[in-house]
Amino acid sequence: MSYFFWGTIILFIATIIFYVVFAWFIYYWHEKRASYVVLPVLFTFEFFITGFFLVSLVCILLQYLPDIIKIVNS
């Protein structure tokens, strides 16, 4: 399978783990009920965007690395 498929799977798994841990922390230390849902969603989205760009960059480099090496060697 392609690098993009596995990169997306890794990104979704990392985001789910991040969301579960962060939601547990917010629930454990929450002061207001509104912070229980809103804060984890906002921070998870930021984490997902950062991870998306990182995984996309790595996948693109891995996908086109053989072509880059051919161009550099010639």
N, C-alpha and C. Protein backbone atom coordinates (compact mmCIF):
# COMPACT_ATOMS: atom_id res chain seq x y z
N MET A 1 0.84 -1.18 0.00
CA MET A 1 0.00 0.00 0.00
C MET A 1 0.88 1.25 0.00
N SER A 2 0.26 2.36 -0.25
CA SER A 2 1.04 3.58 -0.42
C SER A 2 1.39 4.22 0.92
N TYR A 3 2.36 5.11 0.85
CA TYR A 3 2.78 5.86 2.04
C TYR A 3 1.66 6.76 2.54
N PHE A 4 0.86 7.28 1.63
CA PHE A 4 -0.22 8.18 2.03
C PHE A 4 -1.28 7.45 2.86
N PHE A 5 -1.57 6.20 2.49
CA PHE A 5 -2.54 5.42 3.25
C PHE A 5 -2.06 5.18 4.68
N TRP A 6 -0.83 4.70 4.82
CA TRP A 6 -0.31 4.41 6.16
C TRP A 6 -0.08 5.68 6.96
N GLY A 7 0.31 6.77 6.30
CA GLY A 7 0.46 8.04 7.00
C GLY A 7 -0.86 8.55 7.55
N THR A 8 -1.93 8.39 6.77
CA THR A 8 -3.25 8.80 7.23
C THR A 8 -3.72 7.93 8.40
N ILE A 9 -3.49 6.65 8.32
CA ILE A 9 -3.87 5.75 9.42
C ILE A 9 -3.12 6.12 10.69
N ILE A 10 -1.82 6.37 10.58
CA ILE A 10 -1.01 6.76 11.75
C ILE A 10 -1.51 8.09 12.32
N LEU A 11 -1.85 9.02 11.44
CA LEU A 11 -2.35 10.32 11.89
C LEU A 11 -3.66 10.18 12.65
N PHE A 12 -4.58 9.37 12.14
CA PHE A 12 -5.85 9.18 12.82
C PHE A 12 -5.67 8.48 14.17
N ILE A 13 -4.81 7.49 14.24
CA ILE A 13 -4.56 6.80 15.50
C ILE A 13 -3.94 7.74 16.52
N ALA A 14 -2.96 8.56 16.10
CA ALA A 14 -2.33 9.51 17.01
C ALA A 14 -3.34 10.55 17.49
N THR A 15 -4.22 10.99 16.61
CA THR A 15 -5.24 11.98 16.99
C THR A 15 -6.23 11.38 17.98
N ILE A 16 -6.62 10.15 17.77
CA ILE A 16 -7.56 9.50 18.70
C ILE A 16 -6.92 9.33 20.08
N ILE A 17 -5.68 8.88 20.11
CA ILE A 17 -4.98 8.73 21.39
C ILE A 17 -4.85 10.08 22.09
N PHE A 18 -4.48 11.12 21.34
CA PHE A 18 -4.35 12.46 21.91
C PHE A 18 -5.69 12.93 22.46
N TYR A 19 -6.77 12.72 21.71
CA TYR A 19 -8.09 13.17 22.15
C TYR A 19 -8.53 12.44 23.42
N VAL A 20 -8.31 11.15 23.49
CA VAL A 20 -8.72 10.37 24.67
C VAL A 20 -7.96 10.83 25.91
N VAL A 21 -6.66 10.99 25.80
CA VAL A 21 -5.85 11.41 26.95
C VAL A 21 -6.22 12.83 27.36
N PHE A 22 -6.36 13.72 26.40
CA PHE A 22 -6.69 15.11 26.72
C PHE A 22 -8.09 15.23 27.32
N ALA A 23 -9.04 14.48 26.78
CA ALA A 23 -10.39 14.50 27.33
C ALA A 23 -10.40 13.96 28.76
N TRP A 24 -9.58 12.95 29.03
CA TRP A 24 -9.50 12.42 30.38
C TRP A 24 -8.95 13.47 31.34
N PHE A 25 -7.91 14.19 30.91
CA PHE A 25 -7.36 15.25 31.76
C PHE A 25 -8.37 16.36 32.00
N ILE A 26 -9.08 16.77 30.96
CA ILE A 26 -10.07 17.83 31.11
C ILE A 26 -11.20 17.37 32.04
N TYR A 27 -11.64 16.13 31.90
CA TYR A 27 -12.69 15.62 32.78
C TYR A 27 -12.20 15.55 34.22
N TYR A 28 -10.96 15.18 34.40
CA TYR A 28 -10.42 15.03 35.75
C TYR A 28 -10.29 16.37 36.45
N TRP A 29 -9.90 17.41 35.71
CA TRP A 29 -9.66 18.71 36.32
C TRP A 29 -10.68 19.78 35.92
N HIS A 30 -11.81 19.39 35.38
CA HIS A 30 -12.74 20.40 34.87
C HIS A 30 -13.36 21.22 36.00
N GLU A 31 -13.59 22.48 35.69
CA GLU A 31 -14.27 23.37 36.62
C GLU A 31 -15.68 23.68 36.15
N LYS A 32 -15.83 23.80 34.84
CA LYS A 32 -17.14 24.08 34.26
C LYS A 32 -17.47 22.97 33.28
N ARG A 33 -18.74 22.67 33.16
CA ARG A 33 -19.16 21.60 32.27
C ARG A 33 -18.91 21.95 30.80
N ALA A 34 -18.94 23.23 30.44
CA ALA A 34 -18.73 23.65 29.04
C ALA A 34 -17.31 23.34 28.57
N SER A 35 -16.34 23.38 29.48
CA SER A 35 -14.96 23.11 29.09
C SER A 35 -14.73 21.63 28.80
N TYR A 36 -15.65 20.78 29.20
CA TYR A 36 -15.50 19.34 29.02
C TYR A 36 -15.47 18.94 27.54
N VAL A 37 -16.26 19.61 26.71
CA VAL A 37 -16.34 19.24 25.30
C VAL A 37 -15.55 20.19 24.41
N VAL A 38 -15.63 21.47 24.65
CA VAL A 38 -15.10 22.47 23.73
C VAL A 38 -13.57 22.46 23.70
N LEU A 39 -12.92 22.46 24.83
CA LEU A 39 -11.47 22.53 24.86
C LEU A 39 -10.79 21.34 24.21
N PRO A 40 -11.16 20.10 24.52
CA PRO A 40 -10.49 18.99 23.84
C PRO A 40 -10.67 19.01 22.33
N VAL A 41 -11.84 19.45 21.86
CA VAL A 41 -12.07 19.50 20.42
C VAL A 41 -11.16 20.52 19.76
N LEU A 42 -11.00 21.70 20.38
CA LEU A 42 -10.14 22.73 19.81
C LEU A 42 -8.68 22.28 19.78
N PHE A 43 -8.19 21.74 20.88
CA PHE A 43 -6.80 21.30 20.92
C PHE A 43 -6.56 20.09 20.02
N THR A 44 -7.55 19.22 19.89
CA THR A 44 -7.40 18.07 19.01
C THR A 44 -7.33 18.52 17.56
N PHE A 45 -8.11 19.52 17.19
CA PHE A 45 -8.06 20.02 15.82
C PHE A 45 -6.69 20.62 15.52
N GLU A 46 -6.13 21.38 16.47
CA GLU A 46 -4.79 21.95 16.28
C GLU A 46 -3.75 20.84 16.13
N PHE A 47 -3.85 19.82 16.97
CA PHE A 47 -2.94 18.68 16.90
C PHE A 47 -3.09 17.96 15.56
N PHE A 48 -4.33 17.80 15.10
CA PHE A 48 -4.59 17.11 13.84
C PHE A 48 -4.00 17.89 12.66
N ILE A 49 -4.16 19.21 12.65
CA ILE A 49 -3.62 20.02 11.56
C ILE A 49 -2.09 19.94 11.53
N THR A 50 -1.46 20.06 12.71
CA THR A 50 0.01 19.95 12.77
C THR A 50 0.47 18.57 12.32
N GLY A 51 -0.19 17.54 12.81
CA GLY A 51 0.15 16.18 12.41
C GLY A 51 -0.10 15.93 10.93
N PHE A 52 -1.17 16.52 10.40
CA PHE A 52 -1.49 16.35 8.98
C PHE A 52 -0.37 16.92 8.11
N PHE A 53 0.10 18.12 8.44
CA PHE A 53 1.18 18.70 7.65
C PHE A 53 2.48 17.90 7.79
N LEU A 54 2.76 17.44 8.98
CA LEU A 54 3.96 16.65 9.20
C LEU A 54 3.90 15.32 8.45
N VAL A 55 2.79 14.60 8.58
CA VAL A 55 2.64 13.32 7.89
C VAL A 55 2.63 13.52 6.38
N SER A 56 1.99 14.57 5.90
CA SER A 56 1.97 14.85 4.46
C SER A 56 3.37 15.10 3.93
N LEU A 57 4.16 15.89 4.65
CA LEU A 57 5.53 16.17 4.22
C LEU A 57 6.36 14.89 4.17
N VAL A 58 6.27 14.07 5.20
CA VAL A 58 7.03 12.82 5.24
C VAL A 58 6.58 11.88 4.12
N CYS A 59 5.28 11.77 3.90
CA CYS A 59 4.78 10.89 2.85
C CYS A 59 5.20 11.35 1.46
N ILE A 60 5.15 12.65 1.23
CA ILE A 60 5.58 13.17 -0.07
C ILE A 60 7.06 12.92 -0.28
N LEU A 61 7.87 13.14 0.75
CA LEU A 61 9.31 12.87 0.63
C LEU A 61 9.58 11.39 0.36
N LEU A 62 8.89 10.51 1.06
CA LEU A 62 9.10 9.07 0.85
C LEU A 62 8.62 8.63 -0.53
N GLN A 63 7.53 9.21 -0.99
CA GLN A 63 6.97 8.84 -2.29
C GLN A 63 7.91 9.24 -3.43
N TYR A 64 8.50 10.43 -3.33
CA TYR A 64 9.31 10.95 -4.43
C TYR A 64 10.81 10.88 -4.17
N LEU A 65 11.24 10.23 -3.11
CA LEU A 65 12.66 10.11 -2.80
C LEU A 65 13.45 9.39 -3.89
N PRO A 66 12.96 8.29 -4.48
CA PRO A 66 13.73 7.66 -5.56
C PRO A 66 13.95 8.60 -6.75
N ASP A 67 12.93 9.38 -7.11
CA ASP A 67 13.08 10.33 -8.22
C ASP A 67 14.07 11.44 -7.88
N ILE A 68 14.03 11.90 -6.63
CA ILE A 68 14.96 12.95 -6.20
C ILE A 68 16.40 12.42 -6.24
N ILE A 69 16.59 11.19 -5.80
CA ILE A 69 17.95 10.60 -5.80
C ILE A 69 18.45 10.44 -7.24
N LYS A 70 17.56 10.03 -8.16
CA LYS A 70 17.96 9.90 -9.58
C LYS A 70 18.38 11.25 -10.15
N ILE A 71 17.66 12.29 -9.82
CA ILE A 71 17.97 13.62 -10.34
C ILE A 71 19.30 14.12 -9.77
N VAL A 72 19.52 13.89 -8.47
CA VAL A 72 20.77 14.34 -7.85
C VAL A 72 21.96 13.58 -8.40
N ASN A 73 21.83 12.28 -8.62
CA ASN A 73 22.95 11.47 -9.12
C ASN A 73 23.27 11.71 -10.59
N SER A 74 22.33 12.21 -11.35
CA SER A 74 22.61 12.40 -12.79
C SER A 74 23.17 13.75 -13.12
